[in-house]
Amino acid sequence: MLQEHLEGDLRRLTEQDEAAFSEFQPSASEQDLDDAYVELDHWAVFGSFEHNRLVSAASMYPWEEDSHIADLGVLTLTPFRGKGHARKVVRSISKYAYEQGYEPQYRCQLDNQASVSLAKAAGLTLFGKWDVVSPDSTD
């Protein structure tokens, strides 16, 4: 794995991080919160801090009880994007998932270039694509 230098620290988050997480969430847009679906009560949560402020977080939850796939969401506050925070939390939570016997799954819209670039920077590879029918579409 690449050695990376980043001011701040990266760690697994717990209930004791409620205050930091509660400060983090309102700093993001509603759209980013919806798209990322990062929650402190998920199965695994990792965060990156800069100057003791949570600036990026990733959370993961298994698809089903018997599944070995864990879905991953990541959110980085806008002023802290492009500094390596998201790449580090995605790598760390993915490593943790593998150690626990899970296969991490990172899903994103292919037209979201920032998310696609993050996936590549974190060392993830494209597994598949699927089409989704919009509930607003007509026959």
N, C-alpha and C. Protein backbone atom coordinates (compact mmCIF):
# COMPACT_ATOMS: atom_id res chain seq x y z
N MET A 1 0.85 -1.18 0.00
CA MET A 1 0.00 0.00 0.00
C MET A 1 0.90 1.24 0.00
N LEU A 2 0.43 2.28 -0.66
CA LEU A 2 1.20 3.50 -0.73
C LEU A 2 1.29 4.17 0.63
N GLN A 3 2.43 4.75 0.90
CA GLN A 3 2.57 5.54 2.11
C GLN A 3 2.04 6.93 1.79
N GLU A 4 1.17 7.47 2.61
CA GLU A 4 0.60 8.78 2.36
C GLU A 4 0.82 9.67 3.58
N HIS A 5 1.11 10.92 3.32
CA HIS A 5 1.24 11.89 4.40
C HIS A 5 0.02 12.80 4.36
N LEU A 6 -0.62 12.96 5.48
CA LEU A 6 -1.80 13.79 5.57
C LEU A 6 -1.84 14.39 6.97
N GLU A 7 -1.98 15.70 7.03
CA GLU A 7 -2.09 16.33 8.34
C GLU A 7 -3.40 15.89 8.98
N GLY A 8 -3.35 15.51 10.21
CA GLY A 8 -4.56 15.04 10.88
C GLY A 8 -4.45 13.57 11.17
N ASP A 9 -5.60 12.95 11.48
CA ASP A 9 -5.52 11.52 11.76
C ASP A 9 -6.74 10.81 11.19
N LEU A 10 -6.60 9.51 11.08
CA LEU A 10 -7.62 8.64 10.53
C LEU A 10 -7.84 7.52 11.51
N ARG A 11 -9.12 7.22 11.79
CA ARG A 11 -9.39 6.14 12.74
C ARG A 11 -10.81 5.65 12.58
N ARG A 12 -11.04 4.50 13.20
CA ARG A 12 -12.39 3.95 13.25
C ARG A 12 -13.19 4.79 14.23
N LEU A 13 -14.42 5.14 13.85
CA LEU A 13 -15.28 5.94 14.70
C LEU A 13 -16.19 5.05 15.53
N THR A 14 -16.54 5.53 16.71
CA THR A 14 -17.43 4.81 17.63
C THR A 14 -18.49 5.78 18.15
N GLU A 15 -19.33 5.29 19.05
CA GLU A 15 -20.35 6.14 19.64
C GLU A 15 -19.74 7.35 20.34
N GLN A 16 -18.51 7.22 20.81
CA GLN A 16 -17.85 8.33 21.48
C GLN A 16 -17.56 9.49 20.53
N ASP A 17 -17.73 9.26 19.22
CA ASP A 17 -17.49 10.32 18.23
C ASP A 17 -18.78 11.02 17.83
N GLU A 18 -19.84 10.82 18.62
CA GLU A 18 -21.15 11.42 18.30
C GLU A 18 -21.06 12.94 18.12
N ALA A 19 -20.34 13.63 18.99
CA ALA A 19 -20.24 15.09 18.89
C ALA A 19 -19.56 15.51 17.59
N ALA A 20 -18.45 14.86 17.26
CA ALA A 20 -17.74 15.19 16.02
C ALA A 20 -18.60 14.89 14.80
N PHE A 21 -19.32 13.76 14.84
CA PHE A 21 -20.17 13.37 13.72
C PHE A 21 -21.36 14.31 13.60
N SER A 22 -21.93 14.73 14.73
CA SER A 22 -23.06 15.65 14.73
C SER A 22 -22.67 17.02 14.19
N GLU A 23 -21.42 17.40 14.34
CA GLU A 23 -20.92 18.65 13.79
C GLU A 23 -20.62 18.49 12.29
N PHE A 24 -20.19 17.30 11.90
CA PHE A 24 -19.83 16.99 10.51
C PHE A 24 -21.05 17.01 9.59
N GLN A 25 -22.12 16.33 9.97
CA GLN A 25 -23.29 16.16 9.10
C GLN A 25 -23.91 17.47 8.61
N PRO A 26 -24.19 18.43 9.49
CA PRO A 26 -24.82 19.66 8.99
C PRO A 26 -23.90 20.51 8.10
N SER A 27 -22.61 20.19 8.07
CA SER A 27 -21.67 20.91 7.21
C SER A 27 -21.73 20.43 5.77
N ALA A 28 -22.46 19.35 5.51
CA ALA A 28 -22.61 18.79 4.16
C ALA A 28 -23.98 19.15 3.61
N SER A 29 -24.09 19.16 2.28
CA SER A 29 -25.38 19.44 1.65
C SER A 29 -26.31 18.25 1.80
N GLU A 30 -27.60 18.51 1.71
CA GLU A 30 -28.59 17.43 1.78
C GLU A 30 -28.35 16.41 0.68
N GLN A 31 -28.00 16.88 -0.53
CA GLN A 31 -27.74 15.98 -1.65
C GLN A 31 -26.55 15.08 -1.35
N ASP A 32 -25.46 15.65 -0.83
CA ASP A 32 -24.28 14.85 -0.48
C ASP A 32 -24.62 13.82 0.60
N LEU A 33 -25.39 14.23 1.59
CA LEU A 33 -25.79 13.31 2.66
C LEU A 33 -26.61 12.15 2.10
N ASP A 34 -27.55 12.46 1.21
CA ASP A 34 -28.37 11.42 0.59
C ASP A 34 -27.54 10.48 -0.28
N ASP A 35 -26.67 11.06 -1.10
CA ASP A 35 -25.86 10.25 -2.02
C ASP A 35 -24.90 9.33 -1.28
N ALA A 36 -24.30 9.83 -0.22
CA ALA A 36 -23.26 9.07 0.48
C ALA A 36 -23.84 8.04 1.44
N TYR A 37 -24.91 8.37 2.10
CA TYR A 37 -25.52 7.53 3.14
C TYR A 37 -24.47 7.03 4.13
N VAL A 38 -23.81 7.96 4.77
CA VAL A 38 -22.81 7.67 5.79
C VAL A 38 -23.46 7.91 7.15
N GLU A 39 -23.49 6.87 7.97
CA GLU A 39 -24.14 6.95 9.28
C GLU A 39 -23.22 6.40 10.36
N LEU A 40 -23.24 7.04 11.52
CA LEU A 40 -22.38 6.63 12.62
C LEU A 40 -22.78 5.27 13.19
N ASP A 41 -24.05 4.86 13.03
CA ASP A 41 -24.48 3.59 13.58
C ASP A 41 -24.37 2.41 12.60
N HIS A 42 -23.70 2.61 11.47
CA HIS A 42 -23.49 1.49 10.55
C HIS A 42 -22.47 0.51 11.13
N TRP A 43 -22.36 -0.64 10.49
CA TRP A 43 -21.51 -1.73 10.95
C TRP A 43 -20.06 -1.29 11.15
N ALA A 44 -19.52 -0.50 10.25
CA ALA A 44 -18.15 0.03 10.38
C ALA A 44 -18.15 1.47 9.90
N VAL A 45 -17.44 2.33 10.62
CA VAL A 45 -17.35 3.74 10.26
C VAL A 45 -15.92 4.20 10.51
N PHE A 46 -15.34 4.87 9.53
CA PHE A 46 -14.00 5.43 9.66
C PHE A 46 -14.06 6.91 9.33
N GLY A 47 -13.20 7.69 9.97
CA GLY A 47 -13.19 9.12 9.71
C GLY A 47 -11.79 9.67 9.64
N SER A 48 -11.67 10.75 8.90
CA SER A 48 -10.41 11.47 8.77
C SER A 48 -10.61 12.86 9.36
N PHE A 49 -9.67 13.25 10.19
CA PHE A 49 -9.74 14.52 10.89
C PHE A 49 -8.65 15.45 10.41
N GLU A 50 -8.96 16.73 10.36
CA GLU A 50 -7.97 17.76 10.10
C GLU A 50 -8.14 18.81 11.17
N HIS A 51 -7.07 19.08 11.89
CA HIS A 51 -7.11 20.02 13.02
C HIS A 51 -8.24 19.67 13.99
N ASN A 52 -8.34 18.38 14.32
CA ASN A 52 -9.34 17.84 15.26
C ASN A 52 -10.78 17.99 14.80
N ARG A 53 -10.99 18.25 13.52
CA ARG A 53 -12.34 18.34 12.96
C ARG A 53 -12.56 17.17 11.99
N LEU A 54 -13.67 16.47 12.14
CA LEU A 54 -14.01 15.40 11.21
C LEU A 54 -14.34 16.03 9.87
N VAL A 55 -13.58 15.66 8.82
CA VAL A 55 -13.77 16.27 7.51
C VAL A 55 -14.16 15.25 6.44
N SER A 56 -13.97 13.97 6.73
CA SER A 56 -14.34 12.92 5.78
C SER A 56 -14.71 11.68 6.58
N ALA A 57 -15.77 11.01 6.14
CA ALA A 57 -16.19 9.80 6.83
C ALA A 57 -16.70 8.79 5.81
N ALA A 58 -16.48 7.52 6.11
CA ALA A 58 -17.00 6.42 5.30
C ALA A 58 -17.67 5.45 6.26
N SER A 59 -18.80 4.91 5.83
CA SER A 59 -19.45 3.89 6.62
C SER A 59 -19.84 2.73 5.72
N MET A 60 -20.05 1.59 6.36
CA MET A 60 -20.28 0.36 5.62
C MET A 60 -21.28 -0.49 6.39
N TYR A 61 -22.11 -1.21 5.63
CA TYR A 61 -23.04 -2.14 6.25
C TYR A 61 -23.19 -3.35 5.33
N PRO A 62 -23.31 -4.54 5.91
CA PRO A 62 -23.52 -5.74 5.09
C PRO A 62 -24.89 -5.68 4.42
N TRP A 63 -24.96 -6.21 3.20
CA TRP A 63 -26.22 -6.21 2.45
C TRP A 63 -27.31 -6.96 3.18
N GLU A 64 -27.02 -8.17 3.56
CA GLU A 64 -27.97 -9.03 4.26
C GLU A 64 -27.21 -9.80 5.32
N GLU A 65 -27.91 -10.46 6.19
CA GLU A 65 -27.25 -11.18 7.28
C GLU A 65 -26.28 -12.24 6.77
N ASP A 66 -26.63 -12.95 5.71
CA ASP A 66 -25.78 -14.02 5.19
C ASP A 66 -24.84 -13.56 4.08
N SER A 67 -24.87 -12.30 3.74
CA SER A 67 -24.08 -11.79 2.63
C SER A 67 -22.64 -11.51 3.05
N HIS A 68 -21.74 -11.64 2.11
CA HIS A 68 -20.34 -11.29 2.35
C HIS A 68 -19.97 -10.00 1.63
N ILE A 69 -21.00 -9.27 1.21
CA ILE A 69 -20.80 -7.99 0.54
C ILE A 69 -21.21 -6.89 1.51
N ALA A 70 -20.37 -5.87 1.65
CA ALA A 70 -20.68 -4.73 2.49
C ALA A 70 -20.68 -3.47 1.64
N ASP A 71 -21.77 -2.74 1.69
CA ASP A 71 -21.93 -1.52 0.90
C ASP A 71 -21.21 -0.37 1.60
N LEU A 72 -20.54 0.46 0.82
CA LEU A 72 -19.68 1.52 1.32
C LEU A 72 -20.17 2.87 0.83
N GLY A 73 -20.24 3.82 1.72
CA GLY A 73 -20.53 5.20 1.37
C GLY A 73 -19.44 6.08 1.94
N VAL A 74 -19.14 7.17 1.25
CA VAL A 74 -18.09 8.08 1.72
C VAL A 74 -18.53 9.52 1.45
N LEU A 75 -18.19 10.40 2.39
CA LEU A 75 -18.53 11.81 2.27
C LEU A 75 -17.38 12.64 2.80
N THR A 76 -16.98 13.60 2.00
CA THR A 76 -15.94 14.55 2.40
C THR A 76 -16.51 15.95 2.27
N LEU A 77 -16.32 16.76 3.29
CA LEU A 77 -16.80 18.13 3.24
C LEU A 77 -16.10 18.87 2.10
N THR A 78 -16.85 19.70 1.38
CA THR A 78 -16.36 20.35 0.17
C THR A 78 -15.00 21.04 0.33
N PRO A 79 -14.76 21.84 1.37
CA PRO A 79 -13.47 22.52 1.46
C PRO A 79 -12.27 21.58 1.65
N PHE A 80 -12.53 20.31 1.96
CA PHE A 80 -11.45 19.38 2.26
C PHE A 80 -11.27 18.33 1.16
N ARG A 81 -11.98 18.48 0.07
CA ARG A 81 -11.87 17.53 -1.04
C ARG A 81 -10.55 17.73 -1.78
N GLY A 82 -10.05 16.66 -2.35
CA GLY A 82 -8.81 16.72 -3.13
C GLY A 82 -7.55 16.70 -2.28
N LYS A 83 -7.68 16.41 -1.00
CA LYS A 83 -6.53 16.39 -0.09
C LYS A 83 -6.16 14.98 0.36
N GLY A 84 -6.85 13.97 -0.14
CA GLY A 84 -6.52 12.59 0.20
C GLY A 84 -7.33 11.99 1.33
N HIS A 85 -8.20 12.78 1.94
CA HIS A 85 -9.00 12.27 3.06
C HIS A 85 -9.88 11.10 2.65
N ALA A 86 -10.66 11.27 1.59
CA ALA A 86 -11.59 10.22 1.16
C ALA A 86 -10.85 8.96 0.73
N ARG A 87 -9.76 9.12 0.02
CA ARG A 87 -8.96 7.97 -0.41
C ARG A 87 -8.50 7.16 0.80
N LYS A 88 -8.06 7.85 1.83
CA LYS A 88 -7.58 7.15 3.02
C LYS A 88 -8.70 6.44 3.77
N VAL A 89 -9.87 7.08 3.91
CA VAL A 89 -10.94 6.40 4.63
C VAL A 89 -11.49 5.22 3.84
N VAL A 90 -11.55 5.34 2.50
CA VAL A 90 -12.02 4.22 1.68
C VAL A 90 -11.05 3.06 1.76
N ARG A 91 -9.76 3.34 1.69
CA ARG A 91 -8.76 2.27 1.82
C ARG A 91 -8.83 1.60 3.20
N SER A 92 -8.95 2.40 4.24
CA SER A 92 -8.96 1.86 5.60
C SER A 92 -10.20 1.03 5.88
N ILE A 93 -11.36 1.52 5.49
CA ILE A 93 -12.58 0.77 5.77
C ILE A 93 -12.65 -0.48 4.90
N SER A 94 -12.11 -0.41 3.69
CA SER A 94 -12.07 -1.60 2.82
C SER A 94 -11.15 -2.66 3.39
N LYS A 95 -10.01 -2.24 3.90
CA LYS A 95 -9.08 -3.18 4.53
C LYS A 95 -9.74 -3.84 5.74
N TYR A 96 -10.42 -3.05 6.54
CA TYR A 96 -11.13 -3.58 7.70
C TYR A 96 -12.18 -4.60 7.27
N ALA A 97 -12.94 -4.29 6.23
CA ALA A 97 -13.98 -5.21 5.74
C ALA A 97 -13.36 -6.53 5.31
N TYR A 98 -12.28 -6.48 4.56
CA TYR A 98 -11.61 -7.71 4.14
C TYR A 98 -11.16 -8.54 5.34
N GLU A 99 -10.63 -7.86 6.34
CA GLU A 99 -10.17 -8.56 7.54
C GLU A 99 -11.33 -9.24 8.29
N GLN A 100 -12.54 -8.71 8.12
CA GLN A 100 -13.73 -9.27 8.78
C GLN A 100 -14.47 -10.27 7.88
N GLY A 101 -13.91 -10.55 6.69
CA GLY A 101 -14.52 -11.52 5.78
C GLY A 101 -15.54 -10.95 4.82
N TYR A 102 -15.54 -9.63 4.63
CA TYR A 102 -16.49 -8.98 3.73
C TYR A 102 -15.78 -8.44 2.49
N GLU A 103 -16.52 -8.39 1.42
CA GLU A 103 -16.08 -7.78 0.17
C GLU A 103 -16.69 -6.38 0.10
N PRO A 104 -15.86 -5.33 0.10
CA PRO A 104 -16.43 -3.99 0.04
C PRO A 104 -17.02 -3.69 -1.34
N GLN A 105 -18.15 -3.00 -1.33
CA GLN A 105 -18.78 -2.59 -2.58
C GLN A 105 -18.93 -1.08 -2.56
N TYR A 106 -18.37 -0.44 -3.58
CA TYR A 106 -18.44 1.01 -3.74
C TYR A 106 -19.27 1.27 -4.99
N ARG A 107 -20.43 1.89 -4.82
CA ARG A 107 -21.29 2.18 -5.97
C ARG A 107 -21.33 3.68 -6.21
N CYS A 108 -21.32 4.06 -7.48
CA CYS A 108 -21.45 5.47 -7.81
C CYS A 108 -22.02 5.63 -9.22
N GLN A 109 -22.52 6.82 -9.50
CA GLN A 109 -22.97 7.15 -10.85
C GLN A 109 -21.74 7.34 -11.72
N LEU A 110 -21.75 6.76 -12.89
CA LEU A 110 -20.58 6.84 -13.77
C LEU A 110 -20.32 8.24 -14.30
N ASP A 111 -21.33 9.12 -14.23
CA ASP A 111 -21.12 10.51 -14.65
C ASP A 111 -20.62 11.39 -13.50
N ASN A 112 -20.46 10.81 -12.32
CA ASN A 112 -19.90 11.53 -11.17
C ASN A 112 -18.38 11.33 -11.20
N GLN A 113 -17.72 12.19 -11.95
CA GLN A 113 -16.29 12.03 -12.19
C GLN A 113 -15.47 12.04 -10.90
N ALA A 114 -15.86 12.85 -9.94
CA ALA A 114 -15.11 12.90 -8.68
C ALA A 114 -15.19 11.55 -7.96
N SER A 115 -16.36 10.92 -7.95
CA SER A 115 -16.52 9.64 -7.28
C SER A 115 -15.79 8.53 -8.03
N VAL A 116 -15.86 8.55 -9.35
CA VAL A 116 -15.14 7.56 -10.16
C VAL A 116 -13.63 7.71 -9.93
N SER A 117 -13.15 8.94 -9.90
CA SER A 117 -11.72 9.19 -9.66
C SER A 117 -11.30 8.73 -8.27
N LEU A 118 -12.15 8.96 -7.28
CA LEU A 118 -11.85 8.51 -5.92
C LEU A 118 -11.72 6.99 -5.89
N ALA A 119 -12.66 6.29 -6.52
CA ALA A 119 -12.62 4.83 -6.54
C ALA A 119 -11.29 4.34 -7.13
N LYS A 120 -10.88 4.94 -8.23
CA LYS A 120 -9.61 4.55 -8.87
C LYS A 120 -8.43 4.87 -7.96
N ALA A 121 -8.44 6.06 -7.36
CA ALA A 121 -7.33 6.46 -6.48
C ALA A 121 -7.23 5.56 -5.26
N ALA A 122 -8.37 5.02 -4.82
CA ALA A 122 -8.37 4.13 -3.65
C ALA A 122 -7.99 2.70 -4.03
N GLY A 123 -7.78 2.46 -5.32
CA GLY A 123 -7.35 1.14 -5.76
C GLY A 123 -8.48 0.20 -6.11
N LEU A 124 -9.70 0.72 -6.22
CA LEU A 124 -10.85 -0.11 -6.57
C LEU A 124 -10.93 -0.27 -8.09
N THR A 125 -11.51 -1.36 -8.52
CA THR A 125 -11.67 -1.60 -9.95
C THR A 125 -13.15 -1.78 -10.28
N LEU A 126 -13.51 -1.44 -11.50
CA LEU A 126 -14.88 -1.57 -11.95
C LEU A 126 -15.26 -3.04 -12.03
N PHE A 127 -16.34 -3.39 -11.37
CA PHE A 127 -16.82 -4.76 -11.36
C PHE A 127 -17.99 -4.93 -12.32
N GLY A 128 -18.87 -3.95 -12.36
CA GLY A 128 -20.03 -4.07 -13.23
C GLY A 128 -20.80 -2.78 -13.31
N LYS A 129 -21.73 -2.76 -14.25
CA LYS A 129 -22.61 -1.62 -14.45
C LYS A 129 -24.03 -2.17 -14.53
N TRP A 130 -24.98 -1.38 -14.07
CA TRP A 130 -26.36 -1.77 -14.28
C TRP A 130 -27.21 -0.56 -14.58
N ASP A 131 -28.27 -0.81 -15.34
CA ASP A 131 -29.24 0.23 -15.66
C ASP A 131 -30.36 0.17 -14.65
N VAL A 132 -30.83 1.33 -14.26
CA VAL A 132 -31.93 1.42 -13.31
C VAL A 132 -33.07 2.16 -13.99
N VAL A 133 -34.25 1.61 -13.88
CA VAL A 133 -35.41 2.26 -14.45
C VAL A 133 -35.93 3.26 -13.42
N SER A 134 -36.06 4.48 -13.84
CA SER A 134 -36.55 5.53 -12.97
C SER A 134 -38.04 5.37 -12.73
N PRO A 135 -38.51 5.60 -11.51
CA PRO A 135 -39.94 5.50 -11.25
C PRO A 135 -40.74 6.56 -12.01
N ASP A 136 -40.05 7.61 -12.47
CA ASP A 136 -40.72 8.69 -13.21
C ASP A 136 -40.81 8.40 -14.71
N SER A 137 -40.17 7.33 -15.19
CA SER A 137 -40.16 7.05 -16.62
C SER A 137 -41.50 6.45 -17.06
N THR A 138 -41.81 6.67 -18.29
CA THR A 138 -43.05 6.11 -18.85
C THR A 138 -42.68 5.11 -19.93
N ASP A 139 -43.59 4.17 -20.21
CA ASP A 139 -43.33 3.15 -21.23
C ASP A 139 -43.39 3.71 -22.61
